[in-house]
Amino acid sequence: MCFKTYMLKRIVNNKQLEITRSFDLDNLVCTATEILKENEIDLLIVDEQNSVVWRNEKSTP
């Protein structure tokens, strides 16, 4: 049996910093939503092939 790994990444100063790794995509989306409640930052969730599966970009003026 093969499990997919997903990574939640935060973009700071145009650099991606991995902050969470999980097998559960729903859990990461929930975590990202909680982070976004208090911070206006760019977040990505990517799969093992580094393909974006969820994205939230902060609004820029």
Protein backbone atom coordinates (compact mmCIF):
# COMPACT_ATOMS: atom_id res chain seq x y z
CA MET A 1 0.00 0.00 0.00
CA CYS A 2 1.31 3.46 -0.95
CA PHE A 3 0.54 6.66 0.92
CA LYS A 4 0.78 10.12 -0.59
CA THR A 5 2.68 12.74 1.37
CA TYR A 6 1.57 16.37 1.24
CA MET A 7 3.55 19.38 2.40
CA LEU A 8 2.20 22.71 3.59
CA LYS A 9 4.61 25.48 2.63
CA ARG A 10 4.70 29.11 3.65
CA ILE A 11 6.16 31.66 1.25
CA VAL A 12 8.24 34.36 2.93
CA ASN A 13 10.29 36.84 0.91
CA ASN A 14 9.74 34.79 -2.27
CA LYS A 15 11.21 31.65 -0.62
CA GLN A 16 9.23 28.53 0.21
CA LEU A 17 9.67 27.28 3.75
CA GLU A 18 8.22 23.86 4.52
CA ILE A 19 6.31 23.97 7.79
CA THR A 20 4.18 20.81 7.86
CA ARG A 21 4.25 17.36 6.25
CA SER A 22 1.27 14.99 6.40
CA PHE A 23 -0.47 12.04 4.79
CA ASP A 24 -3.84 13.73 5.37
CA LEU A 25 -4.67 16.49 2.87
CA ASP A 26 -7.83 17.57 4.70
CA ASN A 27 -5.85 18.07 7.89
CA LEU A 28 -3.35 20.32 6.11
CA VAL A 29 -6.11 22.41 4.51
CA CYS A 30 -7.63 22.86 7.96
CA THR A 31 -4.25 23.87 9.39
CA ALA A 32 -3.70 26.34 6.54
CA THR A 33 -7.14 27.87 7.10
CA GLU A 34 -6.32 28.41 10.79
CA ILE A 35 -2.99 30.05 9.91
CA LEU A 36 -4.71 32.38 7.43
CA LYS A 37 -7.18 33.62 10.06
CA GLU A 38 -4.36 35.51 11.77
CA ASN A 39 -1.78 36.07 9.03
CA GLU A 40 -1.95 37.41 5.49
CA ILE A 41 0.70 35.19 3.95
CA ASP A 42 1.06 32.96 0.91
CA LEU A 43 0.50 29.26 1.58
CA LEU A 44 0.82 26.23 -0.69
CA ILE A 45 0.09 22.55 -0.25
CA VAL A 46 2.09 20.39 -2.65
CA ASP A 47 2.23 16.66 -3.27
CA GLU A 48 5.25 14.37 -3.60
CA GLN A 49 5.91 15.54 -7.16
CA ASN A 50 5.86 19.19 -5.97
CA SER A 51 2.56 19.78 -7.80
CA VAL A 52 0.34 22.37 -6.11
CA VAL A 53 -2.88 20.80 -4.79
CA TRP A 54 -4.06 23.82 -2.75
CA ARG A 55 -3.04 27.48 -2.88
CA ASN A 56 -3.91 30.65 -1.07
CA GLU A 57 -2.21 33.85 -2.12
CA LYS A 58 -2.38 36.95 0.02
CA SER A 59 -3.98 39.92 -1.62
CA THR A 60 -1.48 42.44 -2.92
CA PRO A 61 -2.33 46.12 -3.35
